[in-house]
Amino acid sequence: MLNVGTLERWLWDAACEIRGPLDAPKFKDYILPLVVLKRLSDVFDDEIARLASEVGSGT
């Protein structure tokens, strides 16, 4: 049976294997731009939906 501790260890080991020799703090160089891009994408989608509702509401 797989408990939480075993799952966490397995996921951590998998992340370390994928990461390779790169230090974990260096991942911020990759993750932060992705987070910003995701936020921009969400805001863009919200703005498109808002404009579509305005245009579709009788303008």
Protein backbone atom coordinates (compact mmCIF):
# COMPACT_ATOMS: atom_id res chain seq x y z
CA MET A 1 0.00 0.00 0.00
CA LEU A 2 1.24 3.47 -0.89
CA ASN A 3 1.20 5.93 1.98
CA VAL A 4 1.71 9.70 1.78
CA GLY A 5 5.34 9.61 2.90
CA THR A 6 6.24 7.04 0.27
CA LEU A 7 4.43 9.00 -2.42
CA GLU A 8 6.20 12.24 -1.42
CA ARG A 9 9.58 10.53 -1.50
CA TRP A 10 8.82 8.94 -4.88
CA LEU A 11 7.73 12.29 -6.34
CA TRP A 12 10.79 14.07 -4.90
CA ASP A 13 13.11 11.43 -6.35
CA ALA A 14 11.38 11.72 -9.73
CA ALA A 15 11.75 15.51 -9.68
CA CYS A 16 15.44 15.18 -8.81
CA GLU A 17 15.91 12.73 -11.68
CA ILE A 18 14.23 15.09 -14.14
CA ARG A 19 16.06 18.11 -12.78
CA GLY A 20 19.45 16.49 -13.16
CA PRO A 21 22.46 18.45 -11.96
CA LEU A 22 20.56 21.77 -11.74
CA ASP A 23 20.12 23.07 -8.20
CA ALA A 24 16.54 23.36 -6.99
CA PRO A 25 16.75 27.16 -6.34
CA LYS A 26 17.76 27.68 -9.98
CA PHE A 27 14.33 26.42 -11.03
CA LYS A 28 12.92 29.84 -10.17
CA ASP A 29 14.57 31.01 -13.39
CA TYR A 30 12.22 28.66 -15.26
CA ILE A 31 9.15 28.62 -13.03
CA LEU A 32 8.64 32.37 -12.47
CA PRO A 33 8.35 33.20 -16.18
CA LEU A 34 5.87 30.35 -16.57
CA VAL A 35 3.79 31.69 -13.67
CA VAL A 36 3.80 35.18 -15.21
CA LEU A 37 2.85 33.79 -18.61
CA LYS A 38 -0.01 31.82 -17.04
CA ARG A 39 -1.28 34.96 -15.30
CA LEU A 40 -1.14 36.96 -18.53
CA SER A 41 -3.00 34.19 -20.31
CA ASP A 42 -5.72 34.11 -17.64
CA VAL A 43 -6.15 37.90 -17.73
CA PHE A 44 -6.32 37.81 -21.53
CA ASP A 45 -8.99 35.09 -21.44
CA ASP A 46 -11.00 37.06 -18.85
CA GLU A 47 -10.77 40.22 -20.95
CA ILE A 48 -11.90 38.38 -24.09
CA ALA A 49 -14.86 36.92 -22.20
CA ARG A 50 -15.77 40.37 -20.84
CA LEU A 51 -15.61 41.95 -24.28
CA ALA A 52 -17.63 39.12 -25.80
CA SER A 53 -20.35 39.59 -23.19
CA GLU A 54 -20.42 43.34 -23.83
CA VAL A 55 -20.64 42.94 -27.59
CA GLY A 56 -23.16 40.15 -27.34
CA SER A 57 -25.37 42.05 -24.89
CA GLY A 58 -26.82 44.43 -27.47
CA THR A 59 -24.11 46.86 -28.45
